[in-house]
N, C-alpha and C. Protein backbone atom coordinates (compact mmCIF):
# COMPACT_ATOMS: atom_id res chain seq x y z
N MET A 1 -56.13 124.84 99.63
CA MET A 1 -56.39 126.01 100.25
C MET A 1 -56.09 127.66 99.16
N THR A 2 -56.87 128.15 99.20
CA THR A 2 -56.88 129.61 98.40
C THR A 2 -56.11 130.49 98.95
N ASP A 3 -55.94 131.62 98.33
CA ASP A 3 -54.74 132.74 99.16
C ASP A 3 -55.54 133.47 100.14
N ARG A 4 -56.47 133.09 99.90
CA ARG A 4 -58.59 133.77 100.83
C ARG A 4 -58.47 132.91 101.77
N GLU A 5 -58.23 132.07 102.51
CA GLU A 5 -58.69 131.45 103.08
C GLU A 5 -58.19 131.86 104.82
N PHE A 6 -59.33 131.70 105.78
CA PHE A 6 -58.72 131.93 106.92
C PHE A 6 -58.13 130.52 107.63
N ARG A 7 -57.65 130.31 108.66
CA ARG A 7 -57.15 129.23 109.48
C ARG A 7 -57.12 129.44 110.67
N LYS A 8 -57.85 128.81 111.63
CA LYS A 8 -57.51 128.87 113.06
C LYS A 8 -57.13 127.80 113.74
N VAL A 9 -56.12 127.49 114.10
CA VAL A 9 -56.05 126.50 114.91
C VAL A 9 -55.54 126.82 116.74
N VAL A 10 -55.57 125.51 117.35
CA VAL A 10 -55.82 126.25 119.28
C VAL A 10 -54.54 125.15 119.06
N VAL A 11 -53.33 126.11 119.38
CA VAL A 11 -51.90 125.92 119.58
C VAL A 11 -51.70 124.86 120.25
N ASP A 12 -52.24 124.51 121.86
CA ASP A 12 -52.11 124.08 122.37
C ASP A 12 -51.91 122.43 121.85
N ASP A 13 -52.91 122.45 120.71
CA ASP A 13 -53.82 120.87 120.41
C ASP A 13 -52.79 120.21 118.99
N LEU A 14 -51.90 121.25 118.55
CA LEU A 14 -50.66 121.01 117.50
C LEU A 14 -50.04 119.73 117.55
N PRO A 15 -49.45 119.32 116.92
CA PRO A 15 -48.66 117.95 117.64
C PRO A 15 -47.07 118.65 117.77
N ASP A 16 -46.03 118.06 118.70
CA ASP A 16 -45.11 118.75 119.08
C ASP A 16 -44.17 118.55 117.80
N ALA A 17 -42.85 118.90 117.22
CA ALA A 17 -41.75 118.74 116.09
C ALA A 17 -40.61 118.47 116.86
N PRO A 18 -39.70 117.41 116.62
CA PRO A 18 -38.40 116.92 116.90
C PRO A 18 -37.86 117.97 117.37
N ASN A 19 -37.48 118.27 119.01
CA ASN A 19 -36.27 118.90 119.08
C ASN A 19 -36.37 119.15 120.72
N PRO A 20 -34.81 119.65 121.08
CA PRO A 20 -34.60 119.72 122.39
C PRO A 20 -35.37 119.79 123.46
N THR A 21 -36.99 120.82 122.96
CA THR A 21 -37.08 121.44 124.50
C THR A 21 -38.29 120.16 124.58
N ARG A 22 -39.13 120.57 125.24
CA ARG A 22 -40.08 119.96 125.87
C ARG A 22 -41.17 120.36 124.99
N ARG A 23 -41.59 121.52 124.32
CA ARG A 23 -42.73 121.37 123.69
C ARG A 23 -42.04 122.78 122.14
N LYS A 24 -42.53 122.31 121.01
CA LYS A 24 -42.33 122.96 119.73
C LYS A 24 -43.44 122.94 118.85
N LYS A 25 -44.34 124.36 119.43
CA LYS A 25 -45.48 123.73 118.01
C LYS A 25 -44.99 124.89 116.74
N GLU A 26 -45.25 124.18 115.24
CA GLU A 26 -45.01 125.07 114.12
C GLU A 26 -46.26 125.30 113.72
N VAL A 27 -46.54 126.28 114.67
CA VAL A 27 -48.17 127.17 113.87
C VAL A 27 -48.07 126.83 112.04
N ASP A 28 -46.40 127.93 111.84
CA ASP A 28 -46.85 127.83 110.94
C ASP A 28 -47.18 127.12 109.80
N GLU A 29 -46.91 126.21 110.25
CA GLU A 29 -46.68 124.92 108.55
C GLU A 29 -48.45 124.64 109.26
N ALA A 30 -49.27 124.88 110.33
CA ALA A 30 -50.68 124.11 110.12
C ALA A 30 -50.99 124.86 110.04
N VAL A 31 -51.54 126.51 109.82
CA VAL A 31 -52.27 127.18 109.01
C VAL A 31 -51.76 127.35 107.57
N GLY A 32 -50.80 127.04 106.79
CA GLY A 32 -50.17 127.01 105.34
C GLY A 32 -49.43 128.76 105.13
N ALA A 33 -48.85 128.93 106.38
CA ALA A 33 -48.25 130.19 106.41
C ALA A 33 -47.22 130.14 105.38
N THR A 34 -46.83 130.95 104.87
CA THR A 34 -46.28 130.66 103.38
C THR A 34 -45.02 131.72 103.18
N GLU A 35 -44.94 133.15 104.03
CA GLU A 35 -44.26 133.98 103.59
C GLU A 35 -43.90 134.42 105.05
N PHE A 36 -43.69 133.14 106.10
CA PHE A 36 -42.93 134.02 107.51
C PHE A 36 -43.44 132.07 108.65
N GLY A 37 -42.41 132.62 108.90
CA GLY A 37 -42.05 130.99 110.14
C GLY A 37 -42.95 131.48 111.51
N PHE A 38 -43.48 130.64 112.22
CA PHE A 38 -44.05 131.67 113.68
C PHE A 38 -43.98 129.48 114.63
N ASN A 39 -43.31 129.80 115.30
CA ASN A 39 -42.93 128.62 116.33
C ASN A 39 -43.23 129.04 117.47
N VAL A 40 -43.55 128.21 118.62
CA VAL A 40 -44.09 128.65 119.55
C VAL A 40 -43.55 127.39 120.69
N TYR A 41 -42.22 127.62 121.45
CA TYR A 41 -41.35 126.87 122.28
C TYR A 41 -42.38 126.85 123.92
N VAL A 42 -42.17 125.66 124.25
CA VAL A 42 -41.95 125.78 126.21
C VAL A 42 -40.88 124.84 126.57
N ALA A 43 -39.30 125.66 126.66
CA ALA A 43 -38.51 125.14 127.01
C ALA A 43 -37.94 125.22 128.68
N ASP A 44 -37.72 124.22 129.35
CA ASP A 44 -37.23 123.48 130.82
C ASP A 44 -35.83 124.36 130.59
N PRO A 45 -35.84 125.07 131.79
CA PRO A 45 -34.32 125.40 132.64
C PRO A 45 -33.59 124.27 132.14
N GLY A 46 -32.46 125.22 131.07
CA GLY A 46 -31.37 124.56 130.49
C GLY A 46 -31.41 123.84 128.91
N GLU A 47 -32.59 123.87 128.55
CA GLU A 47 -32.33 123.24 127.11
C GLU A 47 -32.67 124.28 126.50
N GLN A 48 -32.15 123.95 125.37
CA GLN A 48 -31.90 125.27 124.11
C GLN A 48 -32.97 125.32 123.05
N LEU A 49 -33.29 126.14 122.70
CA LEU A 49 -34.34 126.59 121.35
C LEU A 49 -33.76 126.85 120.29
N PRO A 50 -33.83 126.34 118.87
CA PRO A 50 -34.14 124.75 119.17
C PRO A 50 -33.37 124.09 119.33
N TRP A 51 -31.89 124.13 118.05
CA TRP A 51 -31.13 122.95 118.36
C TRP A 51 -29.60 123.22 118.50
N ALA A 52 -29.47 124.58 118.24
CA ALA A 52 -27.69 124.63 118.48
C ALA A 52 -27.31 126.05 118.33
N ARG A 53 -26.55 126.30 118.19
CA ARG A 53 -25.69 127.86 118.37
C ARG A 53 -25.71 127.26 116.28
N HIS A 54 -26.21 128.58 115.73
CA HIS A 54 -26.49 128.46 114.88
C HIS A 54 -27.04 129.80 114.29
N ARG A 55 -27.34 130.12 112.71
CA ARG A 55 -27.56 131.42 112.11
C ARG A 55 -28.27 130.88 110.89
N HIS A 56 -29.11 132.22 110.84
CA HIS A 56 -30.18 132.03 109.38
C HIS A 56 -29.72 132.91 108.22
N PRO A 57 -28.66 132.79 107.02
CA PRO A 57 -27.82 133.57 106.27
C PRO A 57 -28.77 134.68 105.41
N ASP A 58 -30.05 134.17 105.25
CA ASP A 58 -31.03 135.57 104.55
C ASP A 58 -32.58 135.45 105.54
N HIS A 59 -32.20 135.14 106.52
CA HIS A 59 -34.01 135.16 107.24
C HIS A 59 -33.43 135.89 108.59
N GLU A 60 -34.50 136.58 109.01
CA GLU A 60 -34.56 137.88 110.13
C GLU A 60 -35.21 136.67 110.66
N GLU A 61 -34.79 137.73 112.52
CA GLU A 61 -36.09 136.44 113.43
C GLU A 61 -36.09 137.33 114.50
N LEU A 62 -37.52 137.14 115.40
CA LEU A 62 -37.81 137.70 116.46
C LEU A 62 -38.48 136.90 117.46
N LEU A 63 -37.18 136.85 118.39
CA LEU A 63 -38.04 135.58 119.51
C LEU A 63 -38.83 136.95 120.54
N TYR A 64 -39.83 136.07 121.01
CA TYR A 64 -40.41 137.20 121.82
C TYR A 64 -41.11 135.70 123.43
N VAL A 65 -40.74 136.50 124.57
CA VAL A 65 -40.58 135.87 125.54
C VAL A 65 -42.18 135.99 126.39
N LEU A 66 -43.22 134.96 126.16
CA LEU A 66 -44.03 135.34 127.31
C LEU A 66 -44.01 134.91 128.62
N GLU A 67 -43.38 134.39 128.85
CA GLU A 67 -43.01 133.55 130.28
C GLU A 67 -42.27 132.96 130.41
N GLY A 68 -40.89 133.23 131.87
CA GLY A 68 -40.07 132.81 131.61
C GLY A 68 -38.71 133.63 131.33
N THR A 69 -37.64 133.25 131.05
CA THR A 69 -36.36 134.03 130.56
C THR A 69 -35.83 132.91 129.93
N VAL A 70 -34.72 133.61 129.11
CA VAL A 70 -34.18 132.97 127.87
C VAL A 70 -32.73 134.19 127.92
N ARG A 71 -31.98 133.37 127.87
CA ARG A 71 -30.14 133.69 127.37
C ARG A 71 -30.60 133.34 125.60
N VAL A 72 -29.70 134.19 125.49
CA VAL A 72 -29.44 134.50 123.89
C VAL A 72 -28.08 134.69 123.83
N GLU A 73 -27.22 134.27 123.47
CA GLU A 73 -25.28 134.28 123.26
C GLU A 73 -25.20 134.52 121.34
N THR A 74 -24.72 135.82 121.65
CA THR A 74 -25.19 136.26 120.08
C THR A 74 -23.19 136.43 119.69
N SER A 75 -23.13 137.37 118.84
CA SER A 75 -21.52 137.29 118.80
C SER A 75 -20.83 138.79 118.85
N ASP A 76 -22.38 139.89 119.04
CA ASP A 76 -21.96 140.51 120.33
C ASP A 76 -22.16 140.73 121.72
N GLY A 77 -22.53 139.50 122.21
CA GLY A 77 -22.83 139.54 123.45
C GLY A 77 -23.97 138.57 124.22
N GLU A 78 -23.77 138.53 125.58
CA GLU A 78 -25.17 137.57 125.58
C GLU A 78 -26.49 139.04 126.11
N HIS A 79 -27.37 138.40 125.44
CA HIS A 79 -28.89 139.30 125.94
C HIS A 79 -29.79 138.29 126.46
N ARG A 80 -30.36 139.05 128.42
CA ARG A 80 -31.05 137.96 128.86
C ARG A 80 -32.77 138.55 128.29
N VAL A 81 -33.24 137.63 128.01
CA VAL A 81 -34.74 138.13 127.52
C VAL A 81 -35.78 137.70 128.14
N GLY A 82 -36.20 138.55 129.36
CA GLY A 82 -37.99 138.39 129.99
C GLY A 82 -39.12 138.64 129.58
N ALA A 83 -40.18 138.10 129.73
CA ALA A 83 -41.41 137.90 129.34
C ALA A 83 -42.17 139.10 129.25
N GLY A 84 -42.63 139.53 128.29
CA GLY A 84 -42.46 140.65 127.50
C GLY A 84 -42.12 141.43 126.91
N GLU A 85 -40.57 140.62 126.57
CA GLU A 85 -39.32 141.24 126.15
C GLU A 85 -39.32 140.86 124.61
N ALA A 86 -39.07 141.10 123.42
CA ALA A 86 -38.25 140.48 122.18
C ALA A 86 -37.03 140.84 121.80
N LEU A 87 -36.61 140.12 121.15
CA LEU A 87 -35.19 140.26 120.92
C LEU A 87 -35.35 139.85 119.58
N PHE A 88 -34.51 140.99 118.19
CA PHE A 88 -34.38 140.76 117.09
C PHE A 88 -33.14 140.66 116.79
N VAL A 89 -33.46 139.19 115.52
CA VAL A 89 -31.37 138.82 114.80
C VAL A 89 -31.68 139.16 113.77
N PRO A 90 -30.59 140.01 113.18
CA PRO A 90 -30.36 140.22 111.91
C PRO A 90 -30.17 138.76 111.04
N PRO A 91 -30.60 138.85 110.01
CA PRO A 91 -30.00 137.49 108.85
C PRO A 91 -28.37 137.81 109.31
N ASP A 92 -27.92 136.06 108.96
CA ASP A 92 -26.47 135.78 109.56
C ASP A 92 -25.95 136.00 110.39
N ALA A 93 -26.59 136.33 111.73
CA ALA A 93 -26.33 136.61 113.10
C ALA A 93 -26.32 135.19 113.80
N THR A 94 -24.95 135.03 114.32
CA THR A 94 -24.88 133.72 114.96
C THR A 94 -25.83 133.65 116.39
N GLN A 95 -26.43 133.04 116.44
CA GLN A 95 -27.40 133.15 117.88
C GLN A 95 -27.92 131.15 118.85
N ARG A 96 -27.69 131.35 120.00
CA ARG A 96 -27.55 130.01 121.17
C ARG A 96 -28.48 130.74 121.93
N ALA A 97 -29.78 130.37 122.17
CA ALA A 97 -31.09 130.73 122.98
C ALA A 97 -30.81 129.45 124.59
N VAL A 98 -31.18 129.74 125.01
CA VAL A 98 -31.50 128.72 126.08
C VAL A 98 -32.06 129.57 127.16
N ALA A 99 -33.01 128.18 127.51
CA ALA A 99 -33.86 128.56 128.87
C ALA A 99 -33.33 128.38 130.14
N THR A 100 -33.52 129.88 130.92
CA THR A 100 -32.59 129.55 132.24
C THR A 100 -33.96 130.59 132.88
N GLY A 101 -33.53 130.79 134.55
CA GLY A 101 -34.74 130.83 135.67
C GLY A 101 -34.93 129.76 136.26
N ASP A 102 -36.19 130.14 137.02
CA ASP A 102 -36.41 128.98 137.45
C ASP A 102 -37.35 127.87 137.29
N GLY A 103 -38.44 128.34 136.45
CA GLY A 103 -39.12 127.91 135.52
C GLY A 103 -39.42 127.71 134.08
N PRO A 104 -39.86 127.51 133.10
CA PRO A 104 -39.97 126.62 131.92
C PRO A 104 -40.78 128.65 130.70
N ALA A 105 -39.88 128.38 130.16
CA ALA A 105 -39.97 129.53 129.18
C ALA A 105 -40.57 129.24 128.03
N ARG A 106 -41.69 130.15 127.47
CA ARG A 106 -42.41 129.79 126.59
C ARG A 106 -41.87 131.19 125.85
N VAL A 107 -41.73 130.45 124.62
CA VAL A 107 -41.03 132.39 123.43
C VAL A 107 -41.70 131.14 122.28
N ILE A 108 -42.25 132.65 121.44
CA ILE A 108 -42.93 132.64 120.23
C ILE A 108 -41.54 133.10 119.55
N ALA A 109 -41.27 132.60 118.25
CA ALA A 109 -39.92 132.69 117.09
C ALA A 109 -40.64 133.11 116.02
N VAL A 110 -40.54 134.42 115.66
CA VAL A 110 -40.85 134.38 114.35
C VAL A 110 -39.57 134.69 113.33
N GLY A 111 -39.91 134.13 112.15
CA GLY A 111 -39.04 134.74 110.95
C GLY A 111 -39.84 134.74 109.45
N ALA A 112 -38.77 135.63 108.69
CA ALA A 112 -38.73 135.76 107.35
C ALA A 112 -37.90 136.09 106.83
N PRO A 113 -37.59 135.49 105.52
CA PRO A 113 -38.59 134.90 104.87
C PRO A 113 -38.48 133.87 104.94
N LYS A 114 -39.70 133.04 105.34
CA LYS A 114 -39.99 131.21 105.24
C LYS A 114 -39.20 131.07 104.20
N THR A 115 -39.39 131.28 102.83
CA THR A 115 -37.84 130.03 102.32
C THR A 115 -36.66 130.64 102.50
N SER A 116 -36.34 131.12 103.54
CA SER A 116 -34.76 131.17 103.54
C SER A 116 -34.73 130.83 105.21
N ASP A 117 -35.37 130.08 105.37
CA ASP A 117 -35.56 129.36 106.47
C ASP A 117 -34.19 128.83 107.41
N GLY A 118 -33.27 128.36 105.99
CA GLY A 118 -32.69 127.08 106.86
C GLY A 118 -31.26 127.40 107.48
N ALA A 119 -31.00 126.91 108.33
CA ALA A 119 -30.32 127.25 109.39
C ALA A 119 -28.78 126.38 109.53
N ILE A 120 -28.07 127.20 109.64
CA ILE A 120 -26.06 126.31 109.54
C ILE A 120 -26.34 126.41 111.08
N ILE A 121 -25.89 124.97 111.72
CA ILE A 121 -25.73 125.06 112.98
C ILE A 121 -24.10 124.90 112.95
N GLU A 122 -23.68 125.75 113.95
CA GLU A 122 -22.04 125.84 113.78
C GLU A 122 -21.50 125.50 115.37
N GLU A 123 -21.49 123.97 115.18
CA GLU A 123 -20.56 123.50 116.69
C GLU A 123 -20.02 122.49 116.60
N THR A 124 -18.97 122.18 117.73
CA THR A 124 -18.14 121.44 117.87
C THR A 124 -18.60 119.98 117.43
N CYS A 125 -17.64 119.14 116.82
CA CYS A 125 -18.51 117.48 116.82
C CYS A 125 -17.73 116.67 117.75
N PRO A 126 -18.53 116.24 118.75
CA PRO A 126 -17.48 115.63 119.29
C PRO A 126 -16.95 114.51 119.33
N GLU A 127 -16.90 113.68 117.95
CA GLU A 127 -16.88 112.52 117.40
C GLU A 127 -15.29 113.54 117.03
N CYS A 128 -15.45 114.04 115.76
CA CYS A 128 -13.96 114.86 114.98
C CYS A 128 -13.42 115.66 115.33
N GLY A 129 -14.36 116.73 115.95
CA GLY A 129 -13.89 117.60 116.95
C GLY A 129 -13.77 118.94 115.86
N ALA A 130 -13.95 118.67 114.69
CA ALA A 130 -14.17 119.69 113.49
C ALA A 130 -15.81 120.83 114.02
N GLU A 131 -15.27 121.65 113.54
CA GLU A 131 -16.44 123.47 113.98
C GLU A 131 -17.65 122.61 112.52
N THR A 132 -18.43 122.72 112.77
CA THR A 132 -19.53 122.25 111.67
C THR A 132 -20.71 122.49 111.58
N ASP A 133 -21.60 122.25 110.22
CA ASP A 133 -23.20 122.64 110.31
C ASP A 133 -22.72 120.95 110.90
N ARG A 134 -24.29 120.84 111.19
CA ARG A 134 -25.19 119.19 111.38
C ARG A 134 -26.17 119.15 110.21
N GLU A 135 -26.07 118.17 109.52
CA GLU A 135 -27.13 117.56 108.42
C GLU A 135 -28.36 116.68 109.74
N TYR A 136 -29.53 116.48 108.82
CA TYR A 136 -30.55 116.07 109.44
C TYR A 136 -31.09 115.27 108.74
N GLU A 137 -31.58 114.07 109.42
CA GLU A 137 -32.43 112.90 108.58
C GLU A 137 -33.80 112.75 109.52
N ALA A 138 -35.03 112.91 109.00
CA ALA A 138 -36.10 112.61 109.90
C ALA A 138 -36.40 110.90 109.50
N VAL A 139 -37.11 110.63 110.78
CA VAL A 139 -36.76 108.93 110.51
C VAL A 139 -38.16 108.84 111.34
N ASP A 140 -38.40 107.66 111.13
CA ASP A 140 -39.75 107.18 112.36
C ASP A 140 -41.09 107.84 111.82
N GLY A 141 -41.01 108.19 110.55
CA GLY A 141 -42.05 108.76 110.37
C GLY A 141 -42.09 110.02 110.18
N GLY A 142 -40.55 110.55 110.86
CA GLY A 142 -40.79 111.88 111.05
C GLY A 142 -41.15 112.49 112.39
N GLU A 143 -41.25 111.64 113.33
CA GLU A 143 -41.07 111.68 114.70
C GLU A 143 -39.89 111.70 115.55
N THR A 144 -38.41 111.42 114.77
CA THR A 144 -37.31 111.60 115.35
C THR A 144 -36.14 111.90 114.40
N TYR A 145 -35.59 113.30 114.62
CA TYR A 145 -34.53 113.94 113.35
C TYR A 145 -33.57 113.45 114.05
N VAL A 146 -32.62 112.72 113.58
CA VAL A 146 -31.38 112.50 113.71
C VAL A 146 -30.06 113.27 112.99
N LEU A 147 -29.37 113.99 113.94
CA LEU A 147 -28.45 115.02 113.52
C LEU A 147 -27.18 114.26 113.37
N SER A 148 -26.14 114.35 112.26
CA SER A 148 -25.29 114.04 111.64
C SER A 148 -23.95 115.14 111.96
N CYS A 149 -23.00 114.98 112.40
CA CYS A 149 -21.80 115.89 111.80
C CYS A 149 -21.46 116.11 110.00
N ALA A 150 -21.66 117.13 109.70
CA ALA A 150 -21.70 117.23 107.96
C ALA A 150 -19.92 116.95 107.91
N ASP A 151 -19.44 116.89 108.65
CA ASP A 151 -17.57 116.75 108.47
C ASP A 151 -17.11 115.24 108.11
N CYS A 152 -17.66 114.32 109.34
CA CYS A 152 -17.28 113.06 109.75
C CYS A 152 -18.61 112.52 109.22
N GLY A 153 -19.86 112.48 109.44
CA GLY A 153 -21.08 111.68 109.11
C GLY A 153 -21.36 110.89 110.61
N ALA A 154 -20.48 111.44 111.78
CA ALA A 154 -21.14 110.72 113.04
C ALA A 154 -21.90 111.30 113.74
N GLU A 155 -22.91 110.27 114.03
CA GLU A 155 -24.40 110.88 114.72
C GLU A 155 -24.23 111.86 116.64
N VAL A 156 -24.48 112.72 116.02
CA VAL A 156 -24.56 114.14 117.57
C VAL A 156 -25.55 114.32 118.39
N GLU A 157 -26.34 114.15 117.96
CA GLU A 157 -28.05 113.93 118.39
C GLU A 157 -29.49 113.23 117.49
N ARG A 158 -30.00 112.75 118.59
CA ARG A 158 -31.22 112.54 118.42
C ARG A 158 -32.32 113.11 118.88
N LEU A 159 -33.17 113.98 118.24
CA LEU A 159 -34.26 114.81 118.65
C LEU A 159 -35.59 114.33 118.58
N VAL A 160 -36.41 114.20 119.66
CA VAL A 160 -37.83 113.68 119.62
C VAL A 160 -38.87 114.70 119.54
N ALA A 161 -40.26 115.08 119.16
CA ALA A 161 -41.05 115.74 120.24
C ALA A 161 -40.87 115.21 121.43
N GLY A 162 -41.58 116.59 122.37
CA GLY A 162 -41.82 116.79 123.66
C GLY A 162 -42.79 115.77 124.31
N PRO A 163 -42.62 115.52 126.11
CA PRO A 163 -43.18 114.80 126.49
C PRO A 163 -45.31 114.82 126.06
N GLU A 164 -45.17 116.23 126.18
CA GLU A 164 -46.48 116.74 125.88
C GLU A 164 -47.00 116.61 124.50
């Protein structure tokens, strides 16, 4: 792809990426974006997006809710973000987003710079009790992500692409 090539995709036709929500469409990957991340999530009430309480050390993020409501837990409190609202998350700020309400939440997450998109998950390991990061390995040809405790190596969760 040249730097002047335009690329159009139908978001609903993109494959789902492994995650704990009903759907995650990696639009940035599909169009070859190199400077920013762009993901579309559909999460049922109670589902986290994307994986867990996490932070991006050098990456800022904007969550825009198209439909439904999400609760974003941050170090400065809880933010409820509804349809038509956006929440800016500064670099290195801890966040955990969960869909709430009676129906699914449809959310766009945009972040930059893309090269600094690495997330550090900070949750308690159910096996060893350490508050630690998660390492992940793509298996089954990338169809499944296996998350493991960075401290003890225990498998914590398996994420697969959503059912749609």
